[in-house]
Amino acid sequence: MRNPNGYGSVVKLSGSRRRPYCARKTKERDERGYPVYLVIGYFRTREEGLMALAEYNRDPYDIDLAKITMRELFDRWSARDFPKMSASSAGSHRAAMAHCAPLHGMPYKSVKAYQMQQMIDGCGHGYSTQGSIKNLFGKLDLYAMELDIIGRRNSELIHAAPIPETSKRPFARAEIDLVWEHQAEDFADTVLMLIYSGFRINELLGIETENVSLEGKWIKGGLKTKAGRDRIVPIHPLIFGFVKKRAEEGNKHLISLGGRKLGQTRYYAFWRGFMKAHGMSHTPHECRHTFRSLLDSAGANKKCIDLMMGHASRDVGERVYTHKTLQELADALALVTR
């Protein structure tokens, strides 16, 4: 059956081609009266070409944008959004993109849900990486919809391995007491700093001495999320002496070794030695769980806990650290005693 005038057509091109059928529409005529075609795409079968032609006539879209590959879309999106996110989040998206290499050259409009799922299932990693890949497709889908490249989000049809229940265990009271008993040992003070501040290990090691106020009795630090970056945490009276001693050493970073910033790899060697020597089995991140547990048990205000932990919360709007706010945080922290 003949297509209506202006609808377009699907023609088979000569020669040996992987996609020999061209879906096209006449957009204008040149000075000699010959048609100038708008090419919608090339397809393996006539039926695929007719479907693409019907889709275009139902909802015309920008042909150039429809040809944008996954790599090109990622580059555009990352250039716009990476400056707004943390380095760790951007790194996670880059790593997820690397796992999707087979799709990099495909027009993003053509990427199907089952192909996205294949990237997740075939990545060879667990729930964390799988979740990162799924998250990336969700971000790219939203950006592609902004550009009118796609009309639906295939990322809503895919799934990643579920996050297992946490195996993190807070320090027991007796274990905290044990750390206090051995506070004079190398870097035992940092274990207590982690327990009574809620900082992550990379956050504690990254704190610069200039961001420690001994007069105000607070530390500014935090790296991971928008809610957690550059948050202010009061210095608990129990660890003030440790912080003061390290700050007065005059190094650039609060936690230093030989005057230089202590890296995580070297720190973990100290950590494992301390845990083994005293019969404990904990990770540095479990200090953060301990901090929250201590505050919860002491009846601290949830808003104050979220502010100190760097968690987003409905009770926490724009972070403005007034004198009143800092006093509220200090009062909440003071509820935690030995």
Protein backbone atom coordinates (compact mmCIF):
# COMPACT_ATOMS: atom_id res chain seq x y z
CA MET A 1 0.00 0.00 0.00
CA ARG A 2 1.31 3.44 -0.91
CA ASN A 3 2.22 5.76 1.96
CA PRO A 4 0.45 9.15 2.22
CA ASN A 5 2.17 12.18 0.71
CA GLY A 6 4.88 13.49 3.01
CA TYR A 7 4.91 10.30 5.12
CA GLY A 8 8.25 9.08 3.85
CA SER A 9 9.43 5.72 2.58
CA VAL A 10 11.73 2.79 3.18
CA VAL A 11 14.10 1.93 0.33
CA LYS A 12 16.60 -0.86 -0.08
CA LEU A 13 20.10 0.35 -0.91
CA SER A 14 22.36 -1.41 -3.38
CA GLY A 15 25.39 -3.50 -2.49
CA SER A 16 26.15 -5.73 0.47
CA ARG A 17 25.23 -3.89 3.64
CA ARG A 18 24.55 -4.96 7.21
CA ARG A 19 21.63 -2.51 7.36
CA PRO A 20 20.44 -2.16 3.75
CA TYR A 21 17.03 -0.55 4.38
CA CYS A 22 16.92 3.24 4.67
CA ALA A 23 13.95 5.02 6.26
CA ARG A 24 13.74 8.57 4.94
CA LYS A 25 11.51 11.58 4.33
CA THR A 26 11.76 14.35 1.77
CA LYS A 27 12.46 17.57 3.66
CA GLU A 28 12.98 19.89 0.68
CA ARG A 29 14.02 20.03 -2.96
CA ASP A 30 17.20 21.51 -4.34
CA GLU A 31 17.50 24.13 -7.06
CA ARG A 32 17.16 21.43 -9.72
CA GLY A 33 14.02 20.01 -8.16
CA TYR A 34 15.66 16.87 -6.76
CA PRO A 35 14.56 15.75 -3.30
CA VAL A 36 16.81 16.34 -0.30
CA TYR A 37 16.19 13.53 2.17
CA LEU A 38 16.05 13.49 5.94
CA VAL A 39 17.48 10.09 6.85
CA ILE A 40 15.79 8.61 9.90
CA GLY A 41 18.01 5.55 10.06
CA TYR A 42 19.31 2.35 8.50
CA PHE A 43 17.84 -1.04 9.34
CA ARG A 44 18.30 -4.76 8.84
CA THR A 45 14.75 -5.33 7.55
CA ARG A 46 12.06 -3.33 5.81
CA GLU A 47 9.75 -3.95 8.78
CA GLU A 48 12.22 -2.30 11.17
CA GLY A 49 12.46 0.68 8.82
CA LEU A 50 8.68 1.02 8.59
CA MET A 51 8.38 0.89 12.39
CA ALA A 52 10.99 3.64 12.75
CA LEU A 53 9.24 5.71 10.10
CA ALA A 54 5.90 5.30 11.87
CA GLU A 55 7.47 6.25 15.20
CA TYR A 56 9.01 9.38 13.70
CA ASN A 57 5.72 10.45 12.08
CA ARG A 58 3.85 9.85 15.32
CA ASP A 59 6.33 11.90 17.35
CA PRO A 60 8.99 13.72 15.27
CA TYR A 61 12.32 14.01 17.04
CA ASP A 62 15.72 15.59 16.40
CA ILE A 63 17.50 13.18 14.08
CA ASP A 64 20.97 14.34 15.12
CA LEU A 65 20.19 13.79 18.79
CA ALA A 66 18.68 10.41 17.97
CA LYS A 67 22.09 9.37 16.65
CA ILE A 68 23.96 10.35 19.81
CA THR A 69 25.81 7.36 21.23
CA MET A 70 25.89 6.25 24.84
CA ARG A 71 29.47 7.52 25.11
CA GLU A 72 28.53 10.93 23.68
CA LEU A 73 25.52 11.16 25.99
CA PHE A 74 27.66 10.24 29.01
CA ASP A 75 30.29 12.84 28.06
CA ARG A 76 27.66 15.58 27.78
CA TRP A 77 25.93 14.58 30.99
CA SER A 78 29.14 14.20 33.00
CA ALA A 79 30.44 17.59 31.81
CA ARG A 80 27.25 19.15 33.15
CA ASP A 81 26.66 17.18 36.35
CA PHE A 82 30.05 15.96 37.65
CA PRO A 83 31.03 19.42 38.97
CA LYS A 84 27.91 19.27 41.19
CA MET A 85 28.76 15.94 42.83
CA SER A 86 31.51 14.51 45.00
CA ALA A 87 34.65 13.00 43.49
CA SER A 88 33.66 9.58 44.81
CA SER A 89 30.22 9.75 43.13
CA ALA A 90 31.77 10.83 39.83
CA GLY A 91 34.32 8.02 40.13
CA SER A 92 31.53 5.51 40.72
CA HIS A 93 29.74 6.67 37.56
CA ARG A 94 32.96 6.42 35.52
CA ALA A 95 33.57 2.89 36.79
CA ALA A 96 29.97 1.91 35.95
CA MET A 97 30.39 3.37 32.46
CA ALA A 98 33.51 1.26 31.93
CA HIS A 99 31.44 -1.87 32.59
CA CYS A 100 29.09 -0.85 29.75
CA ALA A 101 31.78 -0.73 27.04
CA PRO A 102 29.82 -2.94 24.55
CA LEU A 103 27.12 -0.25 24.38
CA HIS A 104 29.36 2.82 24.15
CA GLY A 105 29.09 3.14 20.38
CA MET A 106 25.35 2.46 20.13
CA PRO A 107 22.86 5.28 19.62
CA TYR A 108 21.39 5.67 23.11
CA LYS A 109 17.90 5.75 21.63
CA SER A 110 18.46 2.19 20.43
CA VAL A 111 19.68 0.75 23.76
CA LYS A 112 17.04 -1.68 25.02
CA ALA A 113 16.24 -2.70 28.58
CA TYR A 114 17.53 -6.23 28.03
CA GLN A 115 20.90 -4.83 26.88
CA MET A 116 21.13 -2.69 30.01
CA GLN A 117 20.35 -5.80 32.06
CA GLN A 118 23.09 -7.72 30.26
CA MET A 119 25.62 -5.10 31.37
CA ILE A 120 24.51 -5.57 34.98
CA ASP A 121 24.39 -9.37 34.87
CA GLY A 122 27.70 -9.66 33.05
CA CYS A 123 29.76 -7.20 35.08
CA GLY A 124 31.21 -9.99 37.23
CA HIS A 125 30.76 -8.04 40.47
CA GLY A 126 28.35 -7.91 43.38
CA TYR A 127 25.47 -5.73 44.50
CA SER A 128 27.51 -2.53 44.84
CA THR A 129 28.80 -2.47 41.25
CA GLN A 130 25.50 -3.74 39.88
CA GLY A 131 23.68 -0.98 41.71
CA SER A 132 26.11 1.61 40.32
CA ILE A 133 25.44 0.44 36.75
CA LYS A 134 21.68 0.55 37.29
CA ASN A 135 22.00 4.00 38.82
CA LEU A 136 24.04 5.21 35.84
CA PHE A 137 21.38 4.06 33.36
CA GLY A 138 18.79 5.88 35.46
CA LYS A 139 20.80 9.11 35.28
CA LEU A 140 21.40 8.78 31.53
CA ASP A 141 17.73 8.02 30.90
CA LEU A 142 16.67 11.19 32.70
CA TYR A 143 19.19 13.25 30.74
CA ALA A 144 18.13 11.62 27.46
CA MET A 145 14.51 12.50 28.23
CA GLU A 146 15.53 16.11 28.87
CA LEU A 147 16.99 16.16 25.35
CA ASP A 148 13.91 14.40 23.88
CA ILE A 149 16.08 11.50 22.75
CA ILE A 150 13.85 8.89 24.38
CA GLY A 151 10.23 8.80 25.38
CA ARG A 152 10.42 6.19 28.13
CA ARG A 153 12.92 5.09 30.75
CA ASN A 154 14.13 1.55 30.10
CA SER A 155 16.14 1.81 33.32
CA GLU A 156 12.86 1.34 35.22
CA LEU A 157 12.66 -2.20 33.84
CA ILE A 158 16.09 -3.40 34.99
CA HIS A 159 17.25 -4.70 38.35
CA ALA A 160 20.45 -5.23 40.32
CA ALA A 161 21.35 -7.65 43.09
CA PRO A 162 19.69 -6.64 46.37
CA ILE A 163 21.75 -4.97 49.06
CA PRO A 164 22.40 -7.55 51.76
CA GLU A 165 21.58 -6.83 55.37
CA THR A 166 24.45 -5.02 57.02
CA SER A 167 26.91 -7.03 59.03
CA LYS A 168 28.34 -3.94 60.72
CA ARG A 169 28.58 -4.24 64.50
CA PRO A 170 29.00 -1.28 66.82
CA PHE A 171 31.68 -1.54 69.50
CA ALA A 172 30.33 -2.96 72.75
CA ARG A 173 30.76 -0.81 75.87
CA ALA A 174 33.39 -3.22 77.17
CA GLU A 175 35.32 -2.89 73.89
CA ILE A 176 35.25 0.90 74.09
CA ASP A 177 36.60 0.63 77.63
CA LEU A 178 39.33 -1.65 76.31
CA VAL A 179 40.39 0.97 73.77
CA TRP A 180 40.55 3.55 76.57
CA GLU A 181 42.76 1.21 78.59
CA HIS A 182 45.26 1.16 75.71
CA GLN A 183 44.93 4.81 74.68
CA ALA A 184 48.69 5.37 74.96
CA GLU A 185 49.44 2.99 72.09
CA ASP A 186 50.22 4.30 68.62
CA PHE A 187 47.10 5.60 66.88
CA ALA A 188 44.76 4.31 69.61
CA ASP A 189 43.69 7.95 69.91
CA THR A 190 42.38 7.84 66.33
CA VAL A 191 40.14 4.88 67.18
CA LEU A 192 38.57 6.98 69.91
CA MET A 193 38.36 10.00 67.61
CA LEU A 194 36.39 7.90 65.13
CA ILE A 195 34.09 6.54 67.84
CA TYR A 196 33.32 9.98 69.30
CA SER A 197 33.11 12.03 66.06
CA GLY A 198 31.26 9.89 63.51
CA PHE A 199 33.75 10.73 60.75
CA ARG A 200 34.52 8.10 58.14
CA ILE A 201 38.12 6.95 58.03
CA ASN A 202 38.89 8.84 54.80
CA GLU A 203 37.23 11.93 56.27
CA LEU A 204 39.30 11.81 59.46
CA LEU A 205 42.56 11.27 57.57
CA GLY A 206 41.67 14.14 55.23
CA ILE A 207 41.04 16.76 57.94
CA GLU A 208 43.46 19.65 57.68
CA THR A 209 44.63 21.24 60.93
CA GLU A 210 43.40 24.65 59.80
CA ASN A 211 39.85 23.23 59.94
CA VAL A 212 40.20 22.40 63.63
CA SER A 213 39.06 25.10 66.04
CA LEU A 214 40.47 24.44 69.51
CA GLU A 215 38.88 27.65 70.75
CA GLY A 216 35.46 26.84 69.33
CA LYS A 217 35.97 23.13 70.03
CA TRP A 218 34.79 21.92 66.63
CA ILE A 219 36.14 20.22 63.50
CA LYS A 220 35.06 20.88 59.94
CA GLY A 221 35.29 17.89 57.63
CA GLY A 222 33.36 15.38 55.54
CA LEU A 223 33.65 14.28 51.93
CA LYS A 224 31.08 11.81 50.67
CA THR A 225 27.72 13.51 50.05
CA LYS A 226 26.27 16.98 49.65
CA ALA A 227 24.78 16.71 53.13
CA GLY A 228 28.06 15.44 54.57
CA ARG A 229 30.68 17.66 52.92
CA ASP A 230 32.28 20.31 55.13
CA ARG A 231 30.01 19.55 58.06
CA ILE A 232 30.92 20.78 61.51
CA VAL A 233 31.18 18.32 64.39
CA PRO A 234 31.88 19.44 67.97
CA ILE A 235 34.93 17.91 69.61
CA HIS A 236 33.72 15.60 72.35
CA PRO A 237 35.32 16.53 75.70
CA LEU A 238 36.60 12.95 76.03
CA ILE A 239 38.80 13.30 72.93
CA PHE A 240 39.62 17.02 73.13
CA GLY A 241 43.06 16.29 74.56
CA PHE A 242 43.91 13.95 71.68
CA VAL A 243 42.77 16.48 69.08
CA LYS A 244 44.62 19.34 70.80
CA LYS A 245 47.87 17.38 70.97
CA ARG A 246 47.74 16.49 67.29
CA ALA A 247 46.69 19.98 66.18
CA GLU A 248 49.59 21.54 68.10
CA GLU A 249 52.08 19.34 66.23
CA GLY A 250 51.69 21.88 63.44
CA ASN A 251 51.28 19.47 60.53
CA LYS A 252 49.05 20.25 57.55
CA HIS A 253 46.83 17.26 58.32
CA LEU A 254 45.54 16.51 61.79
CA ILE A 255 46.40 12.80 61.50
CA SER A 256 49.98 12.64 60.25
CA LEU A 257 52.92 10.29 60.27
CA GLY A 258 56.39 11.81 60.14
CA GLY A 259 54.82 15.18 59.38
CA ARG A 260 52.98 13.89 56.32
CA LYS A 261 49.36 12.92 55.71
CA LEU A 262 48.69 9.31 56.71
CA GLY A 263 47.22 7.24 53.85
CA GLN A 264 44.44 4.71 54.31
CA THR A 265 46.62 1.73 53.38
CA ARG A 266 49.15 2.55 56.10
CA TYR A 267 46.40 3.34 58.58
CA TYR A 268 44.68 0.01 58.00
CA ALA A 269 47.95 -1.72 58.91
CA PHE A 270 47.89 0.10 62.28
CA TRP A 271 44.20 -0.69 62.68
CA ARG A 272 44.54 -4.42 62.03
CA GLY A 273 47.46 -4.65 64.43
CA PHE A 274 45.54 -2.90 67.20
CA MET A 275 42.40 -5.02 66.71
CA LYS A 276 44.39 -8.28 66.67
CA ALA A 277 46.47 -7.33 69.71
CA HIS A 278 43.36 -6.77 71.81
CA GLY A 279 41.11 -9.55 70.54
CA MET A 280 38.65 -7.38 68.64
CA SER A 281 37.24 -7.68 65.14
CA HIS A 282 35.94 -4.37 63.84
CA THR A 283 36.37 -2.12 60.79
CA PRO A 284 36.98 1.63 61.03
CA HIS A 285 33.50 2.20 59.60
CA GLU A 286 32.00 0.40 62.58
CA CYS A 287 33.20 3.33 64.69
CA ARG A 288 30.67 5.42 62.77
CA HIS A 289 27.91 2.94 63.63
CA THR A 290 29.10 3.08 67.24
CA PHE A 291 28.88 6.90 67.25
CA ARG A 292 25.27 6.77 66.07
CA SER A 293 24.42 4.00 68.54
CA LEU A 294 25.88 5.97 71.45
CA LEU A 295 23.90 9.08 70.50
CA ASP A 296 20.68 7.09 70.05
CA SER A 297 21.12 5.37 73.40
CA ALA A 298 21.77 8.72 75.09
CA GLY A 299 18.53 10.16 73.67
CA ALA A 300 20.15 12.77 71.43
CA ASN A 301 17.95 14.82 69.09
CA LYS A 302 17.62 13.15 65.65
CA LYS A 303 18.21 16.42 63.81
CA CYS A 304 21.50 16.90 65.67
CA ILE A 305 22.53 13.29 64.98
CA ASP A 306 21.86 13.71 61.25
CA LEU A 307 23.81 16.98 61.14
CA MET A 308 26.84 15.42 62.81
CA MET A 309 26.64 12.23 60.73
CA GLY A 310 26.22 14.21 57.50
CA HIS A 311 22.93 12.50 56.67
CA ALA A 312 20.19 14.11 54.61
CA SER A 313 17.02 14.40 56.64
CA ARG A 314 13.59 15.97 56.38
CA ASP A 315 14.39 17.65 59.68
CA VAL A 316 17.61 19.14 58.29
CA GLY A 317 17.19 21.90 55.75
CA GLU A 318 19.96 24.18 54.54
CA ARG A 319 22.94 23.71 56.86
CA VAL A 320 23.59 27.03 58.60
CA TYR A 321 25.89 26.59 61.57
CA THR A 322 24.91 29.41 63.88
CA HIS A 323 26.25 29.68 67.42
CA LYS A 324 22.93 28.26 68.61
CA THR A 325 23.20 25.30 66.23
CA LEU A 326 26.76 24.52 67.33
CA GLN A 327 25.70 24.67 70.97
CA GLU A 328 22.81 22.30 70.25
CA LEU A 329 25.21 19.84 68.61
CA ALA A 330 27.66 20.12 71.51
CA ASP A 331 24.85 19.57 74.02
CA ALA A 332 23.67 16.48 72.11
CA LEU A 333 27.21 15.10 71.98
CA ALA A 334 27.76 15.75 75.69
CA LEU A 335 24.96 13.28 76.43
CA VAL A 336 27.43 10.53 75.46
CA THR A 337 29.54 9.59 78.45
CA ARG A 338 31.85 6.74 79.36
